[in-house]
Amino acid sequence: MNRFDHHVELTSTVGSDFHWKVMYNISIMANIAILILLFIIIFMNYDNFI
């Protein structure tokens, strides 16, 4: 029980900040990827319209 509490304490202090940074970076990369995909789709459709 004591070891489990220590594990929770460790993950809540060190892990939460690291997890937040990782999730923040993933969300930024996901947004950039979605924007790139949208640009590619628009560009392809633009070529088809011409």
N, C-alpha and C. Protein backbone atom coordinates (compact mmCIF):
# COMPACT_ATOMS: atom_id res chain seq x y z
N MET A 1 0.83 -1.20 0.00
CA MET A 1 0.00 0.00 0.00
C MET A 1 0.87 1.26 0.00
N ASN A 2 1.94 1.20 0.82
CA ASN A 2 2.84 2.35 0.89
C ASN A 2 3.54 2.57 -0.45
N ARG A 3 3.95 1.47 -1.09
CA ARG A 3 4.63 1.57 -2.38
C ARG A 3 3.68 2.12 -3.44
N PHE A 4 2.41 1.72 -3.37
CA PHE A 4 1.42 2.20 -4.32
C PHE A 4 1.21 3.71 -4.14
N ASP A 5 1.14 4.15 -2.88
CA ASP A 5 0.98 5.59 -2.62
C ASP A 5 2.18 6.38 -3.15
N HIS A 6 3.36 5.83 -2.95
CA HIS A 6 4.57 6.49 -3.44
C HIS A 6 4.55 6.57 -4.97
N HIS A 7 4.08 5.51 -5.62
CA HIS A 7 4.00 5.49 -7.07
C HIS A 7 3.03 6.56 -7.56
N VAL A 8 1.88 6.67 -6.91
CA VAL A 8 0.88 7.67 -7.30
C VAL A 8 1.45 9.08 -7.09
N GLU A 9 2.16 9.25 -5.97
CA GLU A 9 2.75 10.56 -5.67
C GLU A 9 3.79 10.93 -6.73
N LEU A 10 4.62 9.95 -7.11
CA LEU A 10 5.66 10.18 -8.10
C LEU A 10 5.06 10.54 -9.46
N THR A 11 4.05 9.80 -9.87
CA THR A 11 3.45 10.05 -11.18
C THR A 11 2.69 11.37 -11.19
N SER A 12 2.10 11.75 -10.05
CA SER A 12 1.31 12.98 -10.02
C SER A 12 2.21 14.21 -10.06
N THR A 13 3.42 14.13 -9.49
CA THR A 13 4.31 15.29 -9.48
C THR A 13 5.13 15.38 -10.76
N VAL A 14 5.92 14.34 -11.04
CA VAL A 14 6.80 14.35 -12.21
C VAL A 14 6.02 14.01 -13.47
N GLY A 15 5.16 13.01 -13.39
CA GLY A 15 4.46 12.52 -14.56
C GLY A 15 3.46 13.49 -15.15
N SER A 16 2.79 14.26 -14.30
CA SER A 16 1.72 15.13 -14.80
C SER A 16 2.30 16.23 -15.68
N ASP A 17 3.42 16.82 -15.27
CA ASP A 17 4.04 17.88 -16.06
C ASP A 17 4.55 17.32 -17.38
N PHE A 18 5.21 16.16 -17.33
CA PHE A 18 5.72 15.52 -18.54
C PHE A 18 4.56 15.11 -19.45
N HIS A 19 3.52 14.52 -18.87
CA HIS A 19 2.35 14.09 -19.63
C HIS A 19 1.68 15.28 -20.30
N TRP A 20 1.58 16.40 -19.56
CA TRP A 20 0.96 17.59 -20.11
C TRP A 20 1.75 18.12 -21.31
N LYS A 21 3.10 18.14 -21.18
CA LYS A 21 3.94 18.61 -22.29
C LYS A 21 3.80 17.69 -23.49
N VAL A 22 3.77 16.37 -23.25
CA VAL A 22 3.65 15.42 -24.35
C VAL A 22 2.30 15.60 -25.05
N MET A 23 1.23 15.70 -24.28
CA MET A 23 -0.11 15.87 -24.86
C MET A 23 -0.19 17.19 -25.62
N TYR A 24 0.44 18.24 -25.07
CA TYR A 24 0.44 19.55 -25.73
C TYR A 24 1.16 19.47 -27.07
N ASN A 25 2.33 18.81 -27.10
CA ASN A 25 3.08 18.65 -28.35
C ASN A 25 2.30 17.81 -29.35
N ILE A 26 1.65 16.74 -28.88
CA ILE A 26 0.87 15.88 -29.78
C ILE A 26 -0.29 16.67 -30.38
N SER A 27 -0.96 17.49 -29.56
CA SER A 27 -2.09 18.27 -30.06
C SER A 27 -1.63 19.28 -31.10
N ILE A 28 -0.46 19.90 -30.88
CA ILE A 28 0.07 20.86 -31.86
C ILE A 28 0.41 20.14 -33.16
N MET A 29 1.08 18.99 -33.05
CA MET A 29 1.45 18.23 -34.26
C MET A 29 0.19 17.75 -34.99
N ALA A 30 -0.84 17.36 -34.23
CA ALA A 30 -2.09 16.90 -34.86
C ALA A 30 -2.76 18.05 -35.60
N ASN A 31 -2.76 19.24 -35.00
CA ASN A 31 -3.36 20.40 -35.66
C ASN A 31 -2.61 20.75 -36.93
N ILE A 32 -1.27 20.71 -36.88
CA ILE A 32 -0.46 21.00 -38.07
C ILE A 32 -0.71 19.96 -39.15
N ALA A 33 -0.81 18.68 -38.76
CA ALA A 33 -1.07 17.62 -39.73
C ALA A 33 -2.43 17.80 -40.38
N ILE A 34 -3.44 18.18 -39.60
CA ILE A 34 -4.79 18.41 -40.15
C ILE A 34 -4.76 19.58 -41.13
N LEU A 35 -4.04 20.65 -40.77
CA LEU A 35 -3.93 21.79 -41.68
C LEU A 35 -3.25 21.40 -42.98
N ILE A 36 -2.18 20.62 -42.89
CA ILE A 36 -1.47 20.17 -44.10
C ILE A 36 -2.39 19.32 -44.97
N LEU A 37 -3.14 18.41 -44.33
CA LEU A 37 -4.07 17.57 -45.08
C LEU A 37 -5.14 18.42 -45.76
N LEU A 38 -5.66 19.42 -45.05
CA LEU A 38 -6.66 20.30 -45.65
C LEU A 38 -6.08 21.05 -46.84
N PHE A 39 -4.86 21.57 -46.71
CA PHE A 39 -4.22 22.26 -47.82
C PHE A 39 -4.04 21.34 -49.01
N ILE A 40 -3.64 20.08 -48.77
CA ILE A 40 -3.44 19.12 -49.86
C ILE A 40 -4.77 18.83 -50.55
N ILE A 41 -5.83 18.61 -49.75
CA ILE A 41 -7.15 18.33 -50.33
C ILE A 41 -7.64 19.51 -51.16
N ILE A 42 -7.49 20.73 -50.61
CA ILE A 42 -7.93 21.94 -51.34
C ILE A 42 -7.11 22.10 -52.62
N PHE A 43 -5.80 21.88 -52.52
CA PHE A 43 -4.92 22.03 -53.69
C PHE A 43 -5.29 21.02 -54.77
N MET A 44 -5.56 19.76 -54.38
CA MET A 44 -5.95 18.74 -55.34
C MET A 44 -7.27 19.09 -56.00
N ASN A 45 -8.23 19.54 -55.21
CA ASN A 45 -9.52 19.92 -55.76
C ASN A 45 -9.39 21.15 -56.66
N TYR A 46 -8.50 22.06 -56.30
CA TYR A 46 -8.25 23.26 -57.11
C TYR A 46 -7.71 22.86 -58.48
N ASP A 47 -6.79 21.90 -58.50
CA ASP A 47 -6.27 21.39 -59.76
C ASP A 47 -7.38 20.74 -60.59
N ASN A 48 -8.27 20.03 -59.94
CA ASN A 48 -9.36 19.35 -60.66
C ASN A 48 -10.34 20.36 -61.24
N PHE A 49 -10.57 21.47 -60.53
CA PHE A 49 -11.50 22.48 -61.03
C PHE A 49 -10.94 23.16 -62.28
N ILE A 50 -9.63 23.33 -62.32
CA ILE A 50 -9.01 23.93 -63.52
C ILE A 50 -9.01 22.88 -64.63
